[in-house]
């Protein structure tokens, strides 16, 4: 080898080493920027903590303070991160102490209040918020809660579908969003925050699921309302407040996929952005923190059994037929015979799940890629009209093979006209209406949630067609073998966007120009659509706006003030899937 070639080889090696070192420094710089970005916020919080007493103490404030917020809004959701938001227990309302000079820049107003619950088109859970001048803040006795608090309402805490779809998936997504902006956490770490429920539900059977997400016990509205009594005081004139130094109110709804039908008939959310990465991130988090040591070395199928209503009348025969046909064990589970931990663990190890339409089918989110879900429907209940679990199974990247069976033989149904009305009984209706409902071949489309025709038919018991179900199992198991070859697709998310930059430009008007480069690993991914999510936030935490574009630059003209400083957050989204973390950039003149 000539000296010339050796020299070139050495030069290339040196250049490669320098490039690697350069990339490492860039990554470290990004990490440092992330941490510095929230340094001012954390410093401000610590300063407040020095003036507030510890969380378990109550005090006469004797000093003036004001509230402010950062809100993230789009057409579907409005979530706000408040500082110094207070709760008045006697009146059951929240108090925002405004500064007259700053309130004009605030994104919060009486017509733009966050919702405490997530279901689409449901307007009954708006944050009960009132506004007072900061001049009155010193007149209250205040108990400060200094942990970051996530404040929301559970929509229906006695139903597992609602618990997971409406609460836990949005909660996990929201906590990752806000906590990852402050500090890069390990994906399976519990969050250093507390949950505050402002609904009137009792803790309930699913309390343990909420407790998995944080290092602290959840707080309930009754806990906040009882604070003065706990400290030996009486709530008399409404001058006692519970104030949160840092509170996120409401939950981001990016993970929702189903509309329950409050305005129109129920069905999939047409513009849902939920993806397999989000679902598996939450299911893996829950599985990691569940206290279960169950091990399963053989293939088996889970059959969800109902003991009180909507029963499979020939359940034992179905179990025997599956065992005989497929030489595969069938594990029957129910809320009455298994703990929630055991049910989740069994489903996560199963080859597939079979069950009547009902809330426990949400456990399909824990199935491994290539598994199957077979949903059974009583007579007159059309699989086309009720699709929360079909929609879940069809989320791209989950690779759950879905099939449904509907009872079309009225003779195979056992109806219960004498049940309570909330469970489908008809005795409260006139005889003509009863006959009309009983003779229906299909439940008419309806709104949520107490349509008598829907309730009557959905609570029927059924003798299922065993041969038809065996045939469906053959079909979905064959599909599962194909799906198994591509089940890692949901892991292939884009890496961080590169060289995120922003610049304030003042000409006739002020504008903000943002640019970035395509993520490094895009050259290795196969995808249909690539978008970028950009969040613009004023550095004084007064407002934030989310933009979505397929370009590598964004020019923003509306409401840009060149005298203010901004923070830009950006990430890439491929076919609805993305890396969890945004990267950030400070923008100033």
Protein backbone atom coordinates (compact mmCIF):
# COMPACT_ATOMS: atom_id res chain seq x y z
CA UNK A 1 0.00 0.00 0.00
CA UNK A 2 1.43 3.41 -0.99
CA UNK A 3 2.12 6.22 1.46
CA UNK A 4 -0.54 8.27 -0.33
CA UNK A 5 -3.24 5.65 0.30
CA UNK A 6 -2.18 5.24 3.95
CA UNK A 7 -2.39 9.01 4.46
CA UNK A 8 -5.92 9.08 2.99
CA UNK A 9 -7.03 6.18 5.20
CA UNK A 10 -5.72 7.91 8.32
CA UNK A 11 -7.43 11.15 7.30
CA UNK A 12 -10.78 9.38 6.81
CA UNK A 13 -10.46 7.67 10.20
CA UNK A 14 -9.72 11.00 11.90
CA UNK A 15 -12.65 12.69 10.14
CA UNK A 16 -15.01 9.85 11.13
CA UNK A 17 -13.90 10.16 14.76
CA UNK A 18 -14.43 13.93 14.71
CA UNK A 19 -17.90 13.57 13.17
CA UNK A 20 -18.88 11.00 15.81
CA UNK A 21 -17.61 13.32 18.56
CA UNK A 22 -19.47 16.24 16.99
CA UNK A 23 -22.75 14.31 16.99
CA UNK A 24 -22.23 13.31 20.62
CA UNK A 25 -21.67 16.95 21.56
CA UNK A 26 -24.81 17.99 19.66
CA UNK A 27 -26.87 15.42 21.54
CA UNK A 28 -25.43 16.58 24.85
CA UNK A 29 -26.19 20.18 23.88
CA UNK A 30 -29.81 19.29 23.08
CA UNK A 31 -30.11 17.59 26.45
CA UNK A 32 -28.63 20.63 28.17
CA UNK A 33 -31.06 22.92 26.35
CA UNK A 34 -33.98 20.76 27.48
CA UNK A 35 -32.87 21.07 31.09
CA UNK A 36 -32.06 24.76 30.91
CA UNK A 37 -35.40 25.51 29.29
CA UNK A 38 -37.24 24.61 32.47
CA UNK A 39 -34.63 25.98 34.82
CA UNK A 40 -36.45 29.30 35.07
CA UNK A 41 -39.76 27.52 35.72
CA UNK A 42 -38.22 25.28 38.38
CA UNK A 43 -36.41 28.26 39.95
CA UNK A 44 -39.69 30.14 40.08
CA UNK A 45 -41.41 27.16 41.66
CA UNK A 46 -38.68 26.80 44.28
CA UNK A 47 -38.95 30.46 45.13
CA UNK A 48 -42.66 29.96 45.67
CA UNK A 49 -42.00 26.90 47.79
CA UNK A 50 -39.86 28.99 50.10
CA UNK A 51 -42.82 31.27 50.71
CA UNK A 52 -45.37 28.44 50.94
CA UNK A 53 -45.36 26.12 53.90
CA UNK A 54 -45.05 22.37 53.42
CA UNK A 55 -47.81 20.46 51.72
CA UNK A 56 -49.41 19.28 54.94
CA UNK A 57 -49.63 22.74 56.52
CA UNK A 58 -52.22 25.50 56.28
CA UNK A 59 -51.43 29.17 56.60
CA UNK A 60 -52.79 32.67 56.31
CA UNK A 61 -51.20 33.82 53.08
CA UNK A 62 -50.56 37.49 54.00
CA UNK A 63 -48.94 37.95 50.61
CA UNK A 64 -50.26 38.62 47.17
CA UNK A 65 -49.82 36.09 44.38
CA UNK A 66 -51.28 35.59 40.93
CA UNK A 67 -52.07 32.68 38.62
CA UNK A 68 -50.87 32.10 35.09
CA UNK A 69 -51.02 29.27 32.61
CA UNK A 70 -49.73 27.63 29.45
CA UNK A 71 -52.50 26.12 27.33
CA UNK A 72 -52.21 23.67 24.48
CA UNK A 73 -55.20 23.74 22.16
CA UNK A 74 -56.44 22.15 18.97
CA UNK A 75 -59.86 21.35 17.58
CA UNK A 76 -60.22 18.35 19.90
CA UNK A 77 -58.68 19.32 23.22
CA UNK A 78 -57.71 22.21 25.46
CA UNK A 79 -55.26 21.39 28.26
CA UNK A 80 -53.69 23.99 30.54
CA UNK A 81 -50.64 23.97 32.81
CA UNK A 82 -51.46 26.37 35.64
CA UNK A 83 -49.24 27.95 38.22
CA UNK A 84 -50.92 28.96 41.50
CA UNK A 85 -54.37 27.62 40.68
CA UNK A 86 -56.60 27.45 43.76
CA UNK A 87 -59.59 25.34 44.79
CA UNK A 88 -62.37 26.66 47.04
CA UNK A 89 -63.81 23.58 48.80
CA UNK A 90 -66.99 25.13 50.15
CA UNK A 91 -68.21 26.30 46.73
CA UNK A 92 -66.54 23.46 44.77
CA UNK A 93 -64.87 25.79 42.30
CA UNK A 94 -61.39 26.83 41.20
CA UNK A 95 -60.04 30.35 41.55
CA UNK A 96 -57.72 32.08 39.08
CA UNK A 97 -56.07 35.16 40.60
CA UNK A 98 -55.34 37.42 37.66
CA UNK A 99 -52.89 40.25 37.26
CA UNK A 100 -54.58 43.10 35.38
CA UNK A 101 -51.49 43.79 33.27
CA UNK A 102 -50.92 40.14 32.30
CA UNK A 103 -54.48 38.86 31.88
CA UNK A 104 -54.74 40.43 28.41
CA UNK A 105 -52.02 38.03 27.23
CA UNK A 106 -53.64 35.01 28.83
CA UNK A 107 -55.12 32.23 26.71
CA UNK A 108 -57.66 31.40 29.41
CA UNK A 109 -61.07 33.07 29.51
CA UNK A 110 -64.66 32.24 30.35
CA UNK A 111 -65.27 30.92 26.83
CA UNK A 112 -62.13 28.81 26.67
CA UNK A 113 -62.13 26.65 29.81
CA UNK A 114 -60.47 23.20 29.84
CA UNK A 115 -62.67 20.13 30.10
CA UNK A 116 -61.93 17.81 32.99
CA UNK A 117 -62.91 14.68 31.02
CA UNK A 118 -61.91 13.44 27.57
CA UNK A 119 -64.91 11.94 25.68
CA UNK A 120 -65.67 13.77 22.46
CA UNK A 121 -68.80 15.95 22.35
CA UNK A 122 -69.41 15.63 26.09
CA UNK A 123 -69.64 19.09 27.64
CA UNK A 124 -70.69 18.29 31.19
CA UNK A 125 -67.24 18.36 32.81
CA UNK A 126 -65.91 21.87 32.23
CA UNK A 127 -63.50 23.16 34.90
CA UNK A 128 -65.59 25.24 37.35
CA UNK A 129 -63.41 28.34 37.23
CA UNK A 130 -63.91 31.84 38.61
CA UNK A 131 -61.63 34.86 38.29
CA UNK A 132 -60.52 37.16 41.09
CA UNK A 133 -58.02 39.98 41.15
CA UNK A 134 -54.67 39.09 42.70
CA UNK A 135 -55.35 41.86 45.22
CA UNK A 136 -57.73 39.47 47.04
CA UNK A 137 -55.26 36.58 47.22
CA UNK A 138 -53.74 37.76 50.50
CA UNK A 139 -57.11 37.57 52.22
CA UNK A 140 -57.29 33.77 52.11
CA UNK A 141 -55.93 31.03 54.33
CA UNK A 142 -54.03 28.80 51.91
CA UNK A 143 -52.84 25.22 52.01
CA UNK A 144 -50.28 24.77 49.25
CA UNK A 145 -49.85 21.54 47.31
CA UNK A 146 -46.40 21.70 45.79
CA UNK A 147 -46.29 18.43 43.87
CA UNK A 148 -47.09 18.66 40.17
CA UNK A 149 -50.75 17.68 40.03
CA UNK A 150 -52.76 16.24 37.12
CA UNK A 151 -56.36 17.32 37.67
CA UNK A 152 -59.20 15.64 35.76
CA UNK A 153 -62.48 13.75 36.06
CA UNK A 154 -62.83 10.04 35.56
CA UNK A 155 -65.64 9.69 33.05
CA UNK A 156 -67.05 6.33 34.20
CA UNK A 157 -64.81 4.70 36.75
CA UNK A 158 -66.84 1.50 37.10
CA UNK A 159 -66.32 0.46 33.46
CA UNK A 160 -62.90 -0.82 32.35
CA UNK A 161 -63.31 0.33 28.75
CA UNK A 162 -63.92 3.88 29.92
CA UNK A 163 -61.14 3.70 32.52
CA UNK A 164 -58.53 2.72 29.93
CA UNK A 165 -59.78 4.56 26.82
CA UNK A 166 -60.99 7.78 28.48
CA UNK A 167 -58.56 8.07 31.40
CA UNK A 168 -55.41 5.95 31.43
CA UNK A 169 -54.28 6.24 27.82
CA UNK A 170 -54.80 10.05 27.77
CA UNK A 171 -53.25 10.35 31.26
CA UNK A 172 -50.09 8.48 30.29
CA UNK A 173 -49.78 10.42 27.02
CA UNK A 174 -50.27 13.74 28.85
CA UNK A 175 -47.79 12.91 31.61
CA UNK A 176 -45.16 11.86 29.10
CA UNK A 177 -45.70 15.08 27.20
CA UNK A 178 -45.33 17.44 30.16
CA UNK A 179 -42.78 15.47 32.18
CA UNK A 180 -40.54 14.71 29.19
CA UNK A 181 -40.36 18.42 28.41
CA UNK A 182 -38.86 18.97 31.84
CA UNK A 183 -36.61 15.95 32.12
CA UNK A 184 -35.70 12.99 29.94
CA UNK A 185 -37.13 10.05 31.84
CA UNK A 186 -36.75 6.34 31.33
CA UNK A 187 -39.83 5.07 29.49
CA UNK A 188 -41.00 2.85 32.36
CA UNK A 189 -40.28 5.16 35.31
CA UNK A 190 -43.19 6.23 37.46
CA UNK A 191 -43.95 9.94 37.31
CA UNK A 192 -42.99 12.29 40.14
CA UNK A 193 -46.46 13.81 40.27
CA UNK A 194 -49.85 13.19 41.81
CA UNK A 195 -53.29 12.59 40.34
CA UNK A 196 -56.23 14.65 41.58
CA UNK A 197 -59.75 13.41 40.77
CA UNK A 198 -62.44 16.11 40.82
CA UNK A 199 -65.35 13.78 40.04
CA UNK A 200 -67.81 12.29 42.52
CA UNK A 201 -66.97 8.64 41.84
CA UNK A 202 -65.72 6.52 44.76
CA UNK A 203 -62.19 5.06 44.43
CA UNK A 204 -63.69 1.98 42.77
CA UNK A 205 -62.43 -1.42 41.64
CA UNK A 206 -59.88 0.05 39.20
CA UNK A 207 -58.15 2.44 41.58
CA UNK A 208 -54.99 0.32 41.46
CA UNK A 209 -54.54 1.03 37.75
CA UNK A 210 -54.32 4.79 38.33
CA UNK A 211 -51.90 4.22 41.20
CA UNK A 212 -49.43 2.53 38.85
CA UNK A 213 -48.51 5.80 37.16
CA UNK A 214 -47.15 7.97 39.98
CA UNK A 215 -45.12 7.73 43.16
CA UNK A 216 -47.99 9.13 45.25
CA UNK A 217 -51.51 8.09 46.18
CA UNK A 218 -54.27 9.80 44.17
CA UNK A 219 -56.16 12.66 45.77
CA UNK A 220 -59.95 12.77 45.57
CA UNK A 221 -62.27 15.75 45.70
CA UNK A 222 -63.51 14.61 49.06
CA UNK A 223 -59.91 14.75 50.33
CA UNK A 224 -59.61 18.40 49.29
CA UNK A 225 -63.01 19.27 50.71
CA UNK A 226 -62.07 17.68 54.02
CA UNK A 227 -58.75 19.47 54.44
CA UNK A 228 -60.04 22.14 56.84
CA UNK A 229 -61.76 19.52 58.99
CA UNK A 230 -58.54 17.50 59.04
CA UNK A 231 -56.77 20.53 60.44
CA UNK A 232 -59.41 21.16 63.08
CA UNK A 233 -61.06 24.06 61.27
CA UNK A 234 -64.54 24.78 60.05
CA UNK A 235 -65.25 26.00 56.54
CA UNK A 236 -67.36 29.09 57.32
CA UNK A 237 -66.87 32.06 55.04
CA UNK A 238 -65.13 30.50 52.04
CA UNK A 239 -61.77 32.09 52.93
CA UNK A 240 -59.96 28.74 52.94
CA UNK A 241 -58.24 27.63 49.71
CA UNK A 242 -56.23 24.67 48.49
CA UNK A 243 -53.71 26.02 45.97
CA UNK A 244 -51.64 24.05 43.47
CA UNK A 245 -48.26 25.54 42.66
CA UNK A 246 -48.17 23.47 39.44
CA UNK A 247 -51.29 21.85 37.99
CA UNK A 248 -52.09 20.34 34.60
CA UNK A 249 -55.84 20.54 34.07
CA UNK A 250 -57.48 18.21 31.56
CA UNK A 251 -55.91 15.48 29.45
CA UNK A 252 -54.63 15.40 25.88
CA UNK A 253 -56.96 13.37 23.66
CA UNK A 254 -54.54 12.22 20.95
CA UNK A 255 -54.94 8.58 22.05
CA UNK A 256 -58.75 8.41 21.76
CA UNK A 257 -60.31 6.41 18.93
CA UNK A 258 -64.02 6.15 19.79
CA UNK A 259 -66.99 8.50 20.09
CA UNK A 260 -69.80 7.32 22.38
CA UNK A 261 -72.62 9.10 20.58
CA UNK A 262 -73.69 12.12 22.62
CA UNK A 263 -74.59 14.15 19.52
CA UNK A 264 -74.79 11.53 16.75
CA UNK A 265 -74.68 7.71 16.77
CA UNK A 266 -71.53 6.18 18.28
CA UNK A 267 -68.58 5.21 16.10
CA UNK A 268 -64.85 5.71 15.45
CA UNK A 269 -63.40 9.20 15.78
CA UNK A 270 -62.87 10.01 12.12
CA UNK A 271 -59.81 12.23 12.58
CA UNK A 272 -58.21 10.16 15.36
CA UNK A 273 -54.41 10.27 15.42
CA UNK A 274 -53.94 7.34 17.80
CA UNK A 275 -51.19 4.90 16.84
CA UNK A 276 -49.80 1.55 17.96
CA UNK A 277 -46.76 3.13 19.60
CA UNK A 278 -48.98 5.10 21.97
CA UNK A 279 -51.11 2.07 22.84
CA UNK A 280 -48.15 -0.26 23.39
CA UNK A 281 -46.29 2.39 25.39
CA UNK A 282 -49.13 2.47 27.91
CA UNK A 283 -49.81 -1.28 27.92
CA UNK A 284 -46.11 -2.02 28.43
CA UNK A 285 -45.97 0.54 31.25
CA UNK A 286 -48.93 -1.10 33.01
CA UNK A 287 -47.53 -4.62 32.53
CA UNK A 288 -44.15 -3.52 33.89
CA UNK A 289 -45.65 -2.17 37.11
CA UNK A 290 -48.21 -4.90 37.76
CA UNK A 291 -47.28 -7.28 40.55
CA UNK A 292 -47.50 -10.51 38.58
CA UNK A 293 -45.09 -13.41 38.25
CA UNK A 294 -47.27 -15.57 36.00
CA UNK A 295 -45.41 -17.65 33.43
CA UNK A 296 -47.07 -19.50 30.56
CA UNK A 297 -45.12 -21.92 28.38
CA UNK A 298 -48.00 -23.25 26.25
CA UNK A 299 -50.39 -21.59 23.81
CA UNK A 300 -53.86 -20.91 25.13
CA UNK A 301 -56.99 -18.91 24.29
CA UNK A 302 -58.77 -16.63 26.75
CA UNK A 303 -62.57 -16.79 26.88
CA UNK A 304 -64.18 -13.87 28.71
CA UNK A 305 -67.11 -15.16 30.71
CA UNK A 306 -70.01 -13.06 32.03
CA UNK A 307 -71.75 -14.35 35.15
CA UNK A 308 -74.67 -11.93 35.64
CA UNK A 309 -75.95 -11.01 32.19
CA UNK A 310 -75.08 -11.18 28.49
CA UNK A 311 -74.05 -14.76 29.18
CA UNK A 312 -72.90 -17.43 26.73
CA UNK A 313 -75.44 -20.11 27.60
CA UNK A 314 -73.44 -22.97 26.04
CA UNK A 315 -70.07 -21.77 27.29
CA UNK A 316 -68.88 -25.19 28.51
CA UNK A 317 -69.65 -26.75 25.14
CA UNK A 318 -67.72 -23.99 23.38
CA UNK A 319 -64.67 -24.56 25.59
CA UNK A 320 -64.72 -28.31 24.91
CA UNK A 321 -65.11 -27.79 21.16
CA UNK A 322 -62.12 -25.41 20.99
CA UNK A 323 -59.96 -27.86 22.95
CA UNK A 324 -60.97 -30.74 20.71
CA UNK A 325 -60.57 -28.83 17.44
CA UNK A 326 -57.28 -27.04 18.15
CA UNK A 327 -55.72 -29.07 20.99
CA UNK A 328 -55.34 -25.74 22.74
CA UNK A 329 -56.17 -24.89 26.33
CA UNK A 330 -58.97 -22.40 26.98
CA UNK A 331 -58.65 -20.17 30.07
CA UNK A 332 -61.98 -18.73 31.16
CA UNK A 333 -61.75 -15.39 32.97
CA UNK A 334 -64.29 -13.02 34.52
CA UNK A 335 -64.41 -10.09 36.92
CA UNK A 336 -65.98 -12.36 39.51
CA UNK A 337 -63.27 -15.07 39.43
CA UNK A 338 -60.04 -13.23 38.55
CA UNK A 339 -58.20 -10.17 39.76
CA UNK A 340 -57.54 -7.41 37.24
CA UNK A 341 -53.82 -8.16 37.41
CA UNK A 342 -54.42 -11.82 36.58
CA UNK A 343 -56.74 -10.98 33.69
CA UNK A 344 -54.26 -8.54 32.14
CA UNK A 345 -51.39 -10.98 32.55
CA UNK A 346 -53.34 -13.86 31.02
CA UNK A 347 -54.47 -11.79 28.01
CA UNK A 348 -50.92 -10.51 27.43
CA UNK A 349 -49.72 -14.11 27.07
CA UNK A 350 -52.70 -15.50 25.15
CA UNK A 351 -52.95 -16.56 21.54
CA UNK A 352 -56.26 -14.72 21.34
CA UNK A 353 -59.39 -13.53 23.15
CA UNK A 354 -63.05 -14.47 22.62
CA UNK A 355 -65.89 -12.69 24.38
CA UNK A 356 -69.30 -11.06 24.20
CA UNK A 357 -69.34 -7.35 23.42
CA UNK A 358 -68.44 -5.66 26.70
CA UNK A 359 -65.90 -3.59 28.57
CA UNK A 360 -63.41 -6.40 29.30
CA UNK A 361 -62.63 -6.62 25.57
CA UNK A 362 -60.50 -3.48 26.05
CA UNK A 363 -57.92 -5.92 27.48
CA UNK A 364 -57.16 -6.74 23.83
CA UNK A 365 -54.74 -3.81 23.92
CA UNK A 366 -52.42 -6.10 25.92
CA UNK A 367 -52.39 -8.82 23.22
CA UNK A 368 -49.14 -9.57 21.45
CA UNK A 369 -48.89 -8.75 17.72
CA UNK A 370 -50.28 -11.60 15.64
CA UNK A 371 -52.92 -12.49 18.26
CA UNK A 372 -56.65 -12.41 17.58
CA UNK A 373 -59.86 -10.95 19.00
CA UNK A 374 -63.27 -12.50 18.28
CA UNK A 375 -66.18 -10.38 19.46
CA UNK A 376 -69.63 -11.94 19.92
CA UNK A 377 -72.89 -9.99 19.61
CA UNK A 378 -76.40 -10.81 20.91
CA UNK A 379 -79.40 -10.93 18.63
CA UNK A 380 -80.31 -7.65 16.83
CA UNK A 381 -77.07 -5.94 17.96
CA UNK A 382 -75.19 -5.23 14.74
CA UNK A 383 -71.36 -5.47 14.75
CA UNK A 384 -71.38 -2.66 12.19
CA UNK A 385 -72.90 -0.15 14.63
CA UNK A 386 -70.82 -0.91 17.74
CA UNK A 387 -67.11 -0.95 16.92
CA UNK A 388 -64.88 0.26 19.79
CA UNK A 389 -62.92 -2.99 19.90
CA UNK A 390 -62.82 -3.52 16.14
CA UNK A 391 -61.45 0.02 15.84
CA UNK A 392 -58.82 -0.75 18.48
CA UNK A 393 -57.76 -3.98 16.77
CA UNK A 394 -57.45 -2.22 13.42
CA UNK A 395 -55.06 0.47 14.65
CA UNK A 396 -52.09 0.16 12.34
CA UNK A 397 -49.15 -1.58 13.96
CA UNK A 398 -51.03 -3.44 16.70
CA UNK A 399 -51.46 -6.41 14.35
CA UNK A 400 -54.52 -7.82 16.14
CA UNK A 401 -56.61 -10.02 13.87
CA UNK A 402 -60.25 -9.17 14.45
CA UNK A 403 -63.45 -11.07 13.64
CA UNK A 404 -67.02 -10.82 14.87
CA UNK A 405 -70.00 -13.14 15.19
CA UNK A 406 -73.61 -11.97 15.46
CA UNK A 407 -76.54 -14.07 16.62
CA UNK A 408 -79.08 -13.94 13.78
CA UNK A 409 -81.43 -16.56 15.25
CA UNK A 410 -83.94 -15.11 17.70
CA UNK A 411 -84.63 -18.61 19.02
CA UNK A 412 -81.04 -18.73 20.31
CA UNK A 413 -81.54 -15.76 22.59
CA UNK A 414 -82.76 -15.59 26.18
CA UNK A 415 -84.34 -12.22 26.88
CA UNK A 416 -85.15 -10.60 30.22
CA UNK A 417 -88.10 -8.27 30.00
CA UNK A 418 -88.28 -8.17 33.80
CA UNK A 419 -84.73 -6.87 34.37
CA UNK A 420 -84.32 -3.36 35.87
CA UNK A 421 -84.67 -0.74 33.14
CA UNK A 422 -80.96 0.15 33.29
CA UNK A 423 -80.22 -3.48 32.41
CA UNK A 424 -82.69 -3.72 29.55
CA UNK A 425 -85.96 -4.42 31.33
CA UNK A 426 -89.10 -3.18 29.57
CA UNK A 427 -91.75 -3.31 32.26
CA UNK A 428 -91.70 0.49 32.63
CA UNK A 429 -92.81 0.91 28.99
CA UNK A 430 -96.26 0.62 27.43
CA UNK A 431 -97.11 -2.84 26.06
CA UNK A 432 -97.10 -1.63 22.42
CA UNK A 433 -93.57 -0.24 22.82
CA UNK A 434 -92.44 -3.47 24.49
CA UNK A 435 -93.73 -5.58 21.58
CA UNK A 436 -92.04 -3.30 19.05
CA UNK A 437 -88.67 -3.61 20.78
CA UNK A 438 -88.97 -7.38 21.30
CA UNK A 439 -89.73 -7.96 17.61
CA UNK A 440 -86.88 -5.80 16.28
CA UNK A 441 -84.39 -7.52 14.00
CA UNK A 442 -81.85 -4.75 14.45
CA UNK A 443 -81.40 -2.07 17.09
CA UNK A 444 -82.07 1.31 15.45
CA UNK A 445 -79.28 3.87 15.59
CA UNK A 446 -79.48 5.88 18.77
CA UNK A 447 -77.70 8.33 21.04
CA UNK A 448 -75.90 7.50 24.26
CA UNK A 449 -76.69 6.13 26.77
CA UNK A 450 -80.09 4.84 27.91
CA UNK A 451 -81.94 3.85 24.75
CA UNK A 452 -84.37 1.06 25.84
CA UNK A 453 -84.02 -0.91 22.60
CA UNK A 454 -80.25 -1.00 22.92
CA UNK A 455 -80.34 -1.97 26.58
CA UNK A 456 -82.93 -4.72 26.07
CA UNK A 457 -81.01 -6.43 23.29
CA UNK A 458 -77.47 -6.00 24.62
CA UNK A 459 -78.34 -7.62 27.97
CA UNK A 460 -79.75 -10.78 26.38
CA UNK A 461 -78.10 -14.16 26.96
CA UNK A 462 -77.10 -16.20 23.90
CA UNK A 463 -76.63 -19.77 22.72
CA UNK A 464 -73.73 -19.21 20.32
CA UNK A 465 -73.14 -21.06 17.04
CA UNK A 466 -70.11 -23.15 18.02
CA UNK A 467 -69.23 -24.34 14.50
CA UNK A 468 -69.26 -20.76 13.20
CA UNK A 469 -66.94 -19.61 15.98
CA UNK A 470 -64.54 -22.51 15.35
CA UNK A 471 -64.37 -21.45 11.71
CA UNK A 472 -63.61 -17.85 12.74
CA UNK A 473 -60.78 -19.08 14.98
CA UNK A 474 -59.24 -20.93 12.02
CA UNK A 475 -59.39 -17.78 9.90
CA UNK A 476 -57.87 -15.40 12.45
CA UNK A 477 -55.16 -17.87 13.51
CA UNK A 478 -54.11 -18.26 9.87
CA UNK A 479 -53.99 -14.45 9.55
CA UNK A 480 -51.93 -14.30 12.72
CA UNK A 481 -49.13 -16.34 11.17
CA UNK A 482 -48.85 -13.75 8.39
CA UNK A 483 -49.02 -10.82 10.83
CA UNK A 484 -46.24 -12.26 12.98
CA UNK A 485 -43.75 -11.59 10.20
CA UNK A 486 -44.34 -7.83 10.47
CA UNK A 487 -45.16 -7.30 14.14
CA UNK A 488 -42.16 -5.03 14.81
CA UNK A 489 -43.49 -2.35 12.48
CA UNK A 490 -44.86 -0.21 15.32
CA UNK A 491 -41.35 0.04 16.83
CA UNK A 492 -39.97 1.76 13.75
CA UNK A 493 -40.54 5.37 14.70
CA UNK A 494 -38.59 8.37 13.41
CA UNK A 495 -35.62 9.59 15.39
CA UNK A 496 -35.38 13.22 16.55
CA UNK A 497 -35.57 15.98 13.94
CA UNK A 498 -32.17 17.52 13.30
CA UNK A 499 -30.98 21.12 13.42
CA UNK A 500 -34.19 22.69 14.68
CA UNK A 501 -33.79 26.45 14.25
CA UNK A 502 -36.01 29.50 14.62
CA UNK A 503 -35.66 33.19 13.89
CA UNK A 504 -37.80 36.23 14.65
CA UNK A 505 -38.01 38.56 11.64
CA UNK A 506 -39.26 42.12 12.00
CA UNK A 507 -40.23 43.85 8.77
CA UNK A 508 -43.63 45.52 8.32
CA UNK A 509 -44.98 42.95 10.75
CA UNK A 510 -43.27 40.43 12.99
CA UNK A 511 -43.00 36.78 11.95
CA UNK A 512 -41.29 33.64 13.18
CA UNK A 513 -39.47 31.35 10.77
CA UNK A 514 -38.84 27.77 11.93
CA UNK A 515 -36.81 25.19 10.04
CA UNK A 516 -35.43 21.70 10.65
CA UNK A 517 -33.93 18.72 8.89
CA UNK A 518 -35.33 15.26 8.30
CA UNK A 519 -34.60 12.66 11.04
CA UNK A 520 -31.51 10.56 10.46
CA UNK A 521 -33.24 7.17 10.33
CA UNK A 522 -35.90 8.07 7.75
CA UNK A 523 -33.70 6.62 5.03
CA UNK A 524 -34.22 3.19 6.58
CA UNK A 525 -38.00 3.34 7.18
CA UNK A 526 -40.85 2.34 4.89
CA UNK A 527 -43.81 4.66 5.33
CA UNK A 528 -46.77 6.28 3.62
CA UNK A 529 -46.91 9.70 5.29
CA UNK A 530 -44.39 11.90 7.11
CA UNK A 531 -45.54 14.91 9.12
CA UNK A 532 -43.93 17.18 11.68
CA UNK A 533 -45.51 18.43 14.90
CA UNK A 534 -44.31 21.86 15.99
CA UNK A 535 -45.35 23.44 19.30
CA UNK A 536 -44.81 27.16 19.77
CA UNK A 537 -44.74 28.39 23.35
CA UNK A 538 -44.15 31.84 24.78
CA UNK A 539 -41.27 31.63 27.23
CA UNK A 540 -43.33 33.30 29.97
CA UNK A 541 -45.73 30.37 29.73
CA UNK A 542 -48.70 32.40 28.55
CA UNK A 543 -49.85 30.25 25.61
CA UNK A 544 -48.85 27.47 23.26
CA UNK A 545 -50.06 26.42 19.82
CA UNK A 546 -49.54 23.15 17.96
CA UNK A 547 -48.90 23.05 14.19
CA UNK A 548 -48.74 20.04 11.85
CA UNK A 549 -46.98 20.24 8.49
CA UNK A 550 -45.31 17.99 5.92
CA UNK A 551 -42.72 20.67 5.05
CA UNK A 552 -39.28 21.26 6.55
CA UNK A 553 -40.06 24.84 7.47
CA UNK A 554 -42.87 26.84 9.00
CA UNK A 555 -43.55 30.57 8.82
CA UNK A 556 -45.84 31.95 11.53
CA UNK A 557 -47.25 35.47 11.25
CA UNK A 558 -50.29 35.50 13.53
CA UNK A 559 -49.86 36.91 17.05
CA UNK A 560 -46.05 36.99 16.92
CA UNK A 561 -44.47 39.74 19.00
CA UNK A 562 -40.80 40.43 18.28
CA UNK A 563 -40.39 41.84 21.77
CA UNK A 564 -41.15 38.45 23.31
CA UNK A 565 -39.09 35.28 23.57
CA UNK A 566 -40.44 31.95 22.34
CA UNK A 567 -39.67 28.25 22.67
CA UNK A 568 -40.17 25.87 19.74
CA UNK A 569 -40.67 22.11 20.21
CA UNK A 570 -40.54 19.71 17.27
CA UNK A 571 -40.80 16.03 16.38
CA UNK A 572 -41.48 13.86 13.32
CA UNK A 573 -44.57 11.64 12.92
CA UNK A 574 -44.61 8.70 10.49
CA UNK A 575 -47.98 7.12 9.66
CA UNK A 576 -49.28 8.42 12.99
CA UNK A 577 -46.32 7.04 15.00
CA UNK A 578 -43.58 9.12 16.57
CA UNK A 579 -40.70 9.25 19.02
CA UNK A 580 -42.01 10.27 22.45
CA UNK A 581 -39.65 13.20 23.01
CA UNK A 582 -39.78 16.60 21.37
CA UNK A 583 -36.57 18.57 20.90
CA UNK A 584 -36.58 22.27 21.73
CA UNK A 585 -35.06 25.56 20.61
CA UNK A 586 -35.12 29.04 22.17
CA UNK A 587 -36.18 31.86 19.83
CA UNK A 588 -35.37 35.47 20.59
CA UNK A 589 -34.15 38.64 18.93
